């Protein structure tokens, strides 16, 4: 019996808790290939994400940075590339802020949900949402403003 070739893809927006949570979750998956994908607004932002990535010591990961593209379309292209390279199963692991209030939820741009919906239509691909609580983030922001 042949083993199924699997790949994991993690879209990274900002180098924050969402990215770290998704990378940690993907690190526990039994896959042959791990790829982080970032869409930068310009070359300067692309260089910043590459610097951040170099400090993670993620040697068994690839980082693909694109400038100025759509995040969902870039992730879909990465999934299709993995499938065409012979990976039979591709898991996209997406970190997102689990907002506590309705107002905060409505203000969110829903990129994570858009990615998951797009991925769900691709044969051999699945998406996993990794919630990150924004409670800790709000506490750190409040602490900084009271100093």
N, C-alpha and C. Protein backbone atom coordinates (compact mmCIF):
# COMPACT_ATOMS: atom_id res chain seq x y z
N UNK A 1 0.83 -1.17 0.00
CA UNK A 1 0.00 0.00 0.00
C UNK A 1 0.89 1.25 0.00
N UNK A 2 0.64 2.15 -0.92
CA UNK A 2 1.41 3.38 -1.02
C UNK A 2 0.87 4.42 -0.04
N UNK A 3 1.78 5.15 0.56
CA UNK A 3 1.38 6.22 1.47
C UNK A 3 0.86 7.41 0.66
N UNK A 4 -0.10 8.08 1.22
CA UNK A 4 -0.66 9.27 0.58
C UNK A 4 0.29 10.44 0.82
N UNK A 5 0.61 11.17 -0.25
CA UNK A 5 1.46 12.36 -0.12
C UNK A 5 0.59 13.52 0.33
N UNK A 6 1.02 14.17 1.42
CA UNK A 6 0.24 15.27 1.99
C UNK A 6 1.10 16.53 2.10
N UNK A 7 0.44 17.66 1.94
CA UNK A 7 1.10 18.95 2.10
C UNK A 7 0.25 19.85 2.97
N UNK A 8 0.90 20.77 3.66
CA UNK A 8 0.20 21.77 4.48
C UNK A 8 0.60 23.16 3.98
N UNK A 9 -0.39 24.03 3.93
CA UNK A 9 -0.16 25.42 3.51
C UNK A 9 -0.74 26.33 4.58
N UNK A 10 0.05 27.32 4.98
CA UNK A 10 -0.40 28.29 5.99
C UNK A 10 -0.32 29.69 5.39
N UNK A 11 -1.47 30.33 5.17
CA UNK A 11 -1.43 31.73 4.75
C UNK A 11 -1.07 32.61 5.94
N UNK A 12 -0.12 33.51 5.74
CA UNK A 12 0.31 34.40 6.80
C UNK A 12 -0.01 35.83 6.37
N UNK A 13 -0.86 36.47 7.13
CA UNK A 13 -1.14 37.88 6.86
C UNK A 13 -0.10 38.73 7.55
N UNK A 14 -0.25 38.90 8.83
CA UNK A 14 0.71 39.65 9.64
C UNK A 14 1.48 38.66 10.51
N UNK A 15 2.71 39.02 10.86
CA UNK A 15 3.47 38.14 11.76
C UNK A 15 2.96 38.30 13.19
N UNK A 16 1.85 37.63 13.49
CA UNK A 16 1.21 37.80 14.78
C UNK A 16 0.75 36.45 15.34
N UNK A 17 -0.10 36.51 16.35
CA UNK A 17 -0.58 35.29 17.02
C UNK A 17 -1.30 34.33 16.08
N UNK A 18 -2.00 34.88 15.09
CA UNK A 18 -2.72 34.02 14.14
C UNK A 18 -1.74 33.18 13.34
N UNK A 19 -0.68 33.81 12.87
CA UNK A 19 0.33 33.09 12.09
C UNK A 19 1.02 32.03 12.93
N UNK A 20 1.42 32.40 14.14
CA UNK A 20 2.11 31.45 15.02
C UNK A 20 1.22 30.26 15.35
N UNK A 21 -0.06 30.52 15.65
CA UNK A 21 -0.98 29.42 15.99
C UNK A 21 -1.17 28.48 14.80
N UNK A 22 -1.30 29.03 13.60
CA UNK A 22 -1.48 28.19 12.41
C UNK A 22 -0.22 27.38 12.12
N UNK A 23 0.94 28.00 12.26
CA UNK A 23 2.21 27.29 12.03
C UNK A 23 2.37 26.16 13.04
N UNK A 24 2.08 26.44 14.29
CA UNK A 24 2.19 25.38 15.32
C UNK A 24 1.26 24.22 15.03
N UNK A 25 0.03 24.54 14.62
CA UNK A 25 -0.92 23.46 14.30
C UNK A 25 -0.42 22.65 13.11
N UNK A 26 0.06 23.33 12.08
CA UNK A 26 0.55 22.63 10.88
C UNK A 26 1.80 21.81 11.19
N UNK A 27 2.60 22.23 12.16
CA UNK A 27 3.79 21.47 12.55
C UNK A 27 3.43 20.07 13.08
N UNK A 28 2.21 19.91 13.57
CA UNK A 28 1.80 18.63 14.12
C UNK A 28 1.13 17.72 13.09
N UNK A 29 0.95 18.22 11.89
CA UNK A 29 0.34 17.40 10.84
C UNK A 29 1.38 16.47 10.23
N UNK A 30 0.95 15.28 9.87
CA UNK A 30 1.83 14.32 9.20
C UNK A 30 1.82 14.62 7.70
N UNK A 31 2.73 15.50 7.30
CA UNK A 31 2.81 15.92 5.90
C UNK A 31 4.26 15.87 5.44
N UNK A 32 4.44 15.79 4.13
CA UNK A 32 5.78 15.78 3.56
C UNK A 32 6.28 17.19 3.22
N UNK A 33 5.35 18.12 3.08
CA UNK A 33 5.72 19.47 2.67
C UNK A 33 4.92 20.50 3.46
N UNK A 34 5.61 21.53 3.94
CA UNK A 34 4.95 22.64 4.65
C UNK A 34 5.35 23.94 3.96
N UNK A 35 4.34 24.73 3.63
CA UNK A 35 4.59 25.99 2.94
C UNK A 35 3.80 27.11 3.60
N UNK A 36 4.48 28.20 3.88
CA UNK A 36 3.81 29.41 4.34
C UNK A 36 3.69 30.34 3.14
N UNK A 37 2.55 31.01 3.05
CA UNK A 37 2.28 31.91 1.93
C UNK A 37 1.95 33.29 2.47
N UNK A 38 2.60 34.30 1.92
CA UNK A 38 2.31 35.67 2.33
C UNK A 38 2.13 36.55 1.09
N UNK A 39 1.10 37.39 1.13
CA UNK A 39 0.89 38.37 0.08
C UNK A 39 1.24 39.74 0.66
N UNK A 40 2.32 40.31 0.14
CA UNK A 40 2.80 41.61 0.63
C UNK A 40 2.23 42.73 -0.23
N UNK A 41 2.09 43.90 0.38
CA UNK A 41 1.56 45.06 -0.37
C UNK A 41 2.64 45.67 -1.26
N UNK A 42 3.92 45.49 -0.88
CA UNK A 42 5.03 46.03 -1.68
C UNK A 42 6.31 45.27 -1.32
N UNK A 43 7.40 45.60 -2.01
CA UNK A 43 8.67 44.90 -1.79
C UNK A 43 9.22 45.10 -0.38
N UNK A 44 8.98 46.27 0.21
CA UNK A 44 9.46 46.52 1.58
C UNK A 44 8.76 45.58 2.56
N UNK A 45 7.44 45.44 2.42
CA UNK A 45 6.69 44.53 3.30
C UNK A 45 7.12 43.08 3.06
N UNK A 46 7.44 42.74 1.82
CA UNK A 46 7.92 41.39 1.51
C UNK A 46 9.24 41.12 2.23
N UNK A 47 10.13 42.10 2.23
CA UNK A 47 11.41 41.94 2.92
C UNK A 47 11.21 41.80 4.43
N UNK A 48 10.24 42.56 4.98
CA UNK A 48 9.97 42.47 6.41
C UNK A 48 9.47 41.08 6.80
N UNK A 49 8.58 40.51 6.01
CA UNK A 49 8.06 39.17 6.35
C UNK A 49 9.18 38.12 6.21
N UNK A 50 10.05 38.30 5.24
CA UNK A 50 11.18 37.36 5.10
C UNK A 50 12.12 37.44 6.30
N UNK A 51 12.36 38.66 6.81
CA UNK A 51 13.20 38.82 8.01
C UNK A 51 12.55 38.14 9.21
N UNK A 52 11.24 38.40 9.40
CA UNK A 52 10.51 37.77 10.50
C UNK A 52 10.59 36.25 10.38
N UNK A 53 10.39 35.75 9.17
CA UNK A 53 10.40 34.30 8.93
C UNK A 53 11.77 33.71 9.26
N UNK A 54 12.83 34.39 8.94
CA UNK A 54 14.18 33.86 9.18
C UNK A 54 14.45 33.65 10.67
N UNK A 55 13.76 34.39 11.53
CA UNK A 55 13.95 34.24 12.98
C UNK A 55 13.13 33.10 13.57
N UNK A 56 12.23 32.53 12.80
CA UNK A 56 11.40 31.43 13.31
C UNK A 56 12.14 30.10 13.34
N UNK A 57 13.20 29.99 12.60
CA UNK A 57 13.96 28.74 12.52
C UNK A 57 13.08 27.60 12.05
N UNK A 58 12.27 27.88 11.04
CA UNK A 58 11.38 26.86 10.47
C UNK A 58 12.07 26.24 9.26
N UNK A 59 13.09 25.45 9.50
CA UNK A 59 13.93 24.94 8.42
C UNK A 59 13.21 23.94 7.51
N UNK A 60 12.19 23.28 8.02
CA UNK A 60 11.48 22.32 7.18
C UNK A 60 10.27 22.94 6.48
N UNK A 61 10.21 24.25 6.44
CA UNK A 61 9.14 24.99 5.79
C UNK A 61 9.69 25.76 4.60
N UNK A 62 8.82 25.95 3.59
CA UNK A 62 9.11 26.87 2.49
C UNK A 62 8.29 28.13 2.74
N UNK A 63 8.82 29.26 2.33
CA UNK A 63 8.08 30.52 2.41
C UNK A 63 7.94 31.07 1.00
N UNK A 64 6.70 31.29 0.57
CA UNK A 64 6.43 31.89 -0.73
C UNK A 64 5.81 33.26 -0.49
N UNK A 65 6.44 34.29 -1.02
CA UNK A 65 5.95 35.66 -0.86
C UNK A 65 5.60 36.21 -2.23
N UNK A 66 4.40 36.74 -2.33
CA UNK A 66 3.91 37.37 -3.56
C UNK A 66 3.59 38.81 -3.23
N UNK A 67 3.77 39.69 -4.18
CA UNK A 67 3.46 41.11 -3.96
C UNK A 67 2.21 41.49 -4.73
N UNK A 68 1.26 42.09 -4.01
CA UNK A 68 0.10 42.72 -4.62
C UNK A 68 -1.00 41.84 -5.16
N UNK A 69 -1.02 40.59 -4.84
CA UNK A 69 -2.06 39.69 -5.34
C UNK A 69 -3.19 39.56 -4.31
N UNK A 70 -4.22 38.86 -4.67
CA UNK A 70 -5.31 38.55 -3.75
C UNK A 70 -4.89 37.38 -2.87
N UNK A 71 -5.16 37.48 -1.58
CA UNK A 71 -4.77 36.40 -0.66
C UNK A 71 -5.48 35.09 -1.01
N UNK A 72 -6.82 35.08 -1.13
CA UNK A 72 -7.47 33.80 -1.46
C UNK A 72 -6.98 33.20 -2.78
N UNK A 73 -6.81 34.02 -3.82
CA UNK A 73 -6.36 33.47 -5.10
C UNK A 73 -4.92 32.95 -5.02
N UNK A 74 -4.09 33.59 -4.21
CA UNK A 74 -2.72 33.12 -4.02
C UNK A 74 -2.71 31.77 -3.31
N UNK A 75 -3.55 31.62 -2.29
CA UNK A 75 -3.63 30.35 -1.56
C UNK A 75 -4.14 29.25 -2.49
N UNK A 76 -5.18 29.55 -3.26
CA UNK A 76 -5.73 28.57 -4.20
C UNK A 76 -4.67 28.15 -5.21
N UNK A 77 -3.91 29.10 -5.72
CA UNK A 77 -2.83 28.77 -6.67
C UNK A 77 -1.79 27.87 -6.01
N UNK A 78 -1.49 28.12 -4.74
CA UNK A 78 -0.52 27.29 -4.02
C UNK A 78 -1.06 25.87 -3.83
N UNK A 79 -2.35 25.75 -3.52
CA UNK A 79 -2.98 24.43 -3.39
C UNK A 79 -2.91 23.68 -4.72
N UNK A 80 -3.26 24.35 -5.80
CA UNK A 80 -3.22 23.72 -7.13
C UNK A 80 -1.81 23.30 -7.51
N UNK A 81 -0.82 24.11 -7.14
CA UNK A 81 0.57 23.76 -7.41
C UNK A 81 0.96 22.49 -6.66
N UNK A 82 0.56 22.39 -5.40
CA UNK A 82 0.87 21.18 -4.61
C UNK A 82 0.20 19.95 -5.21
N UNK A 83 -1.06 20.09 -5.60
CA UNK A 83 -1.78 18.94 -6.18
C UNK A 83 -1.14 18.53 -7.50
N UNK A 84 -0.76 19.50 -8.32
CA UNK A 84 -0.12 19.16 -9.60
C UNK A 84 1.27 18.56 -9.39
N UNK A 85 1.88 18.83 -8.23
CA UNK A 85 3.19 18.25 -7.90
C UNK A 85 3.06 16.83 -7.33
N UNK A 86 1.84 16.32 -7.25
CA UNK A 86 1.64 14.95 -6.82
C UNK A 86 1.15 14.77 -5.40
N UNK A 87 0.88 15.85 -4.70
CA UNK A 87 0.32 15.74 -3.36
C UNK A 87 -1.17 15.45 -3.48
N UNK A 88 -1.59 14.34 -2.87
CA UNK A 88 -2.99 13.93 -3.00
C UNK A 88 -3.91 14.63 -2.00
N UNK A 89 -3.34 15.05 -0.88
CA UNK A 89 -4.12 15.76 0.13
C UNK A 89 -3.36 17.03 0.53
N UNK A 90 -4.08 18.14 0.50
CA UNK A 90 -3.49 19.42 0.88
C UNK A 90 -4.39 20.04 1.95
N UNK A 91 -3.77 20.37 3.08
CA UNK A 91 -4.51 21.00 4.17
C UNK A 91 -4.04 22.44 4.29
N UNK A 92 -5.00 23.36 4.25
CA UNK A 92 -4.70 24.77 4.45
C UNK A 92 -5.08 25.11 5.89
N UNK A 93 -4.12 25.57 6.65
CA UNK A 93 -4.33 25.86 8.07
C UNK A 93 -4.34 27.38 8.22
N UNK A 94 -5.49 27.92 8.64
CA UNK A 94 -5.69 29.37 8.67
C UNK A 94 -5.96 29.83 10.10
N UNK A 95 -5.09 30.69 10.61
CA UNK A 95 -5.31 31.29 11.92
C UNK A 95 -6.24 32.49 11.79
N UNK A 96 -7.12 32.66 12.77
CA UNK A 96 -8.02 33.82 12.74
C UNK A 96 -8.32 34.26 14.16
N UNK A 97 -8.63 35.53 14.32
CA UNK A 97 -8.96 36.08 15.63
C UNK A 97 -10.39 35.70 15.98
N UNK A 98 -10.57 35.03 17.10
CA UNK A 98 -11.90 34.67 17.58
C UNK A 98 -12.41 35.85 18.40
N UNK A 99 -13.14 36.72 17.74
CA UNK A 99 -13.61 37.96 18.37
C UNK A 99 -14.75 37.68 19.34
N UNK A 100 -14.71 38.37 20.46
CA UNK A 100 -15.73 38.17 21.48
C UNK A 100 -17.02 38.91 21.23
N UNK A 101 -16.98 40.08 20.62
CA UNK A 101 -18.20 40.86 20.46
C UNK A 101 -18.69 40.83 19.02
N UNK A 102 -19.96 41.06 18.86
CA UNK A 102 -20.56 41.09 17.53
C UNK A 102 -19.97 42.23 16.71
N UNK A 103 -19.76 43.36 17.33
CA UNK A 103 -19.21 44.52 16.62
C UNK A 103 -17.82 44.21 16.07
N UNK A 104 -16.98 43.62 16.89
CA UNK A 104 -15.63 43.26 16.42
C UNK A 104 -15.70 42.24 15.31
N UNK A 105 -16.64 41.30 15.41
CA UNK A 105 -16.80 40.27 14.38
C UNK A 105 -17.23 40.89 13.06
N UNK A 106 -18.16 41.83 13.11
CA UNK A 106 -18.63 42.48 11.89
C UNK A 106 -17.56 43.34 11.24
N UNK A 107 -16.67 43.90 12.06
CA UNK A 107 -15.60 44.76 11.55
C UNK A 107 -14.48 43.96 10.89
N UNK A 108 -14.40 42.68 11.15
CA UNK A 108 -13.36 41.82 10.60
C UNK A 108 -13.56 41.65 9.10
N UNK A 109 -12.46 41.47 8.35
CA UNK A 109 -12.59 41.39 6.89
C UNK A 109 -12.93 39.99 6.36
N UNK A 110 -12.97 38.99 7.22
CA UNK A 110 -13.40 37.63 6.86
C UNK A 110 -12.49 36.93 5.85
N UNK A 111 -11.23 37.31 5.78
CA UNK A 111 -10.30 36.67 4.85
C UNK A 111 -10.18 35.17 5.15
N UNK A 112 -10.11 34.81 6.42
CA UNK A 112 -9.96 33.39 6.79
C UNK A 112 -11.14 32.57 6.26
N UNK A 113 -12.35 33.09 6.44
CA UNK A 113 -13.53 32.37 5.96
C UNK A 113 -13.56 32.29 4.44
N UNK A 114 -13.14 33.35 3.78
CA UNK A 114 -13.09 33.37 2.31
C UNK A 114 -12.12 32.31 1.80
N UNK A 115 -10.96 32.21 2.44
CA UNK A 115 -9.98 31.20 2.05
C UNK A 115 -10.56 29.80 2.23
N UNK A 116 -11.18 29.56 3.38
CA UNK A 116 -11.73 28.23 3.65
C UNK A 116 -12.83 27.85 2.66
N UNK A 117 -13.67 28.79 2.32
CA UNK A 117 -14.73 28.52 1.36
C UNK A 117 -14.14 28.18 -0.01
N UNK A 118 -13.15 28.96 -0.44
CA UNK A 118 -12.52 28.70 -1.74
C UNK A 118 -11.82 27.35 -1.77
N UNK A 119 -11.11 27.02 -0.70
CA UNK A 119 -10.38 25.74 -0.63
C UNK A 119 -11.35 24.56 -0.62
N UNK A 120 -12.50 24.72 0.01
CA UNK A 120 -13.45 23.60 0.13
C UNK A 120 -13.98 23.13 -1.22
N UNK A 121 -13.83 23.93 -2.26
CA UNK A 121 -14.30 23.55 -3.59
C UNK A 121 -13.24 22.81 -4.41
N UNK A 122 -12.06 22.66 -3.86
CA UNK A 122 -10.99 21.99 -4.59
C UNK A 122 -10.88 20.53 -4.19
N UNK A 123 -10.90 19.62 -5.15
CA UNK A 123 -10.74 18.20 -4.82
C UNK A 123 -9.36 17.93 -4.20
N UNK A 124 -9.34 17.18 -3.13
CA UNK A 124 -8.09 16.83 -2.47
C UNK A 124 -7.61 17.87 -1.48
N UNK A 125 -8.40 18.93 -1.29
CA UNK A 125 -7.98 20.00 -0.38
C UNK A 125 -9.00 20.19 0.73
N UNK A 126 -8.50 20.59 1.88
CA UNK A 126 -9.36 20.90 3.02
C UNK A 126 -8.74 22.07 3.76
N UNK A 127 -9.59 22.80 4.47
CA UNK A 127 -9.10 23.93 5.25
C UNK A 127 -9.46 23.74 6.71
N UNK A 128 -8.59 24.21 7.58
CA UNK A 128 -8.79 24.14 9.01
C UNK A 128 -8.62 25.54 9.58
N UNK A 129 -9.62 26.00 10.31
CA UNK A 129 -9.52 27.29 10.99
C UNK A 129 -8.96 27.08 12.39
N UNK A 130 -7.97 27.88 12.75
CA UNK A 130 -7.36 27.81 14.07
C UNK A 130 -7.70 29.11 14.79
N UNK A 131 -8.65 29.05 15.74
CA UNK A 131 -9.03 30.29 16.43
C UNK A 131 -7.98 30.75 17.43
N UNK A 132 -7.79 32.06 17.48
CA UNK A 132 -6.88 32.67 18.43
C UNK A 132 -7.70 33.71 19.17
N UNK A 133 -7.71 33.63 20.48
CA UNK A 133 -8.48 34.58 21.28
C UNK A 133 -7.83 35.95 21.23
N UNK A 134 -8.67 36.97 21.09
CA UNK A 134 -8.12 38.33 21.10
C UNK A 134 -8.11 38.94 22.50
N UNK A 135 -8.45 38.14 23.50
CA UNK A 135 -8.46 38.63 24.88
C UNK A 135 -7.05 39.04 25.31
N UNK A 136 -6.06 38.19 25.03
CA UNK A 136 -4.68 38.50 25.40
C UNK A 136 -4.17 39.73 24.69
N UNK A 137 -4.52 39.88 23.42
CA UNK A 137 -4.10 41.04 22.65
C UNK A 137 -4.67 42.32 23.25
N UNK A 138 -5.95 42.30 23.60
CA UNK A 138 -6.59 43.49 24.18
C UNK A 138 -5.95 43.85 25.52
N UNK A 139 -5.61 42.83 26.31
CA UNK A 139 -4.99 43.08 27.62
C UNK A 139 -3.62 43.73 27.44
N UNK A 140 -2.83 43.25 26.47
CA UNK A 140 -1.51 43.84 26.22
C UNK A 140 -1.64 45.27 25.73
N UNK A 141 -2.62 45.55 24.88
CA UNK A 141 -2.84 46.92 24.40
C UNK A 141 -3.24 47.83 25.56
N UNK A 142 -4.10 47.36 26.41
CA UNK A 142 -4.54 48.16 27.57
C UNK A 142 -3.37 48.42 28.50
N UNK A 143 -2.52 47.43 28.68
CA UNK A 143 -1.34 47.58 29.55
C UNK A 143 -0.41 48.64 28.99
N UNK A 144 -0.18 48.66 27.68
CA UNK A 144 0.69 49.64 27.05
C UNK A 144 0.15 51.05 27.19
N UNK A 145 -1.17 51.21 27.09
CA UNK A 145 -1.76 52.56 27.14
C UNK A 145 -1.80 53.12 28.55
N UNK A 146 -1.71 52.27 29.57
CA UNK A 146 -1.76 52.76 30.96
C UNK A 146 -0.38 53.10 31.51
N UNK A 147 0.65 52.83 30.76
CA UNK A 147 2.02 53.13 31.23
C UNK A 147 2.35 54.58 31.07
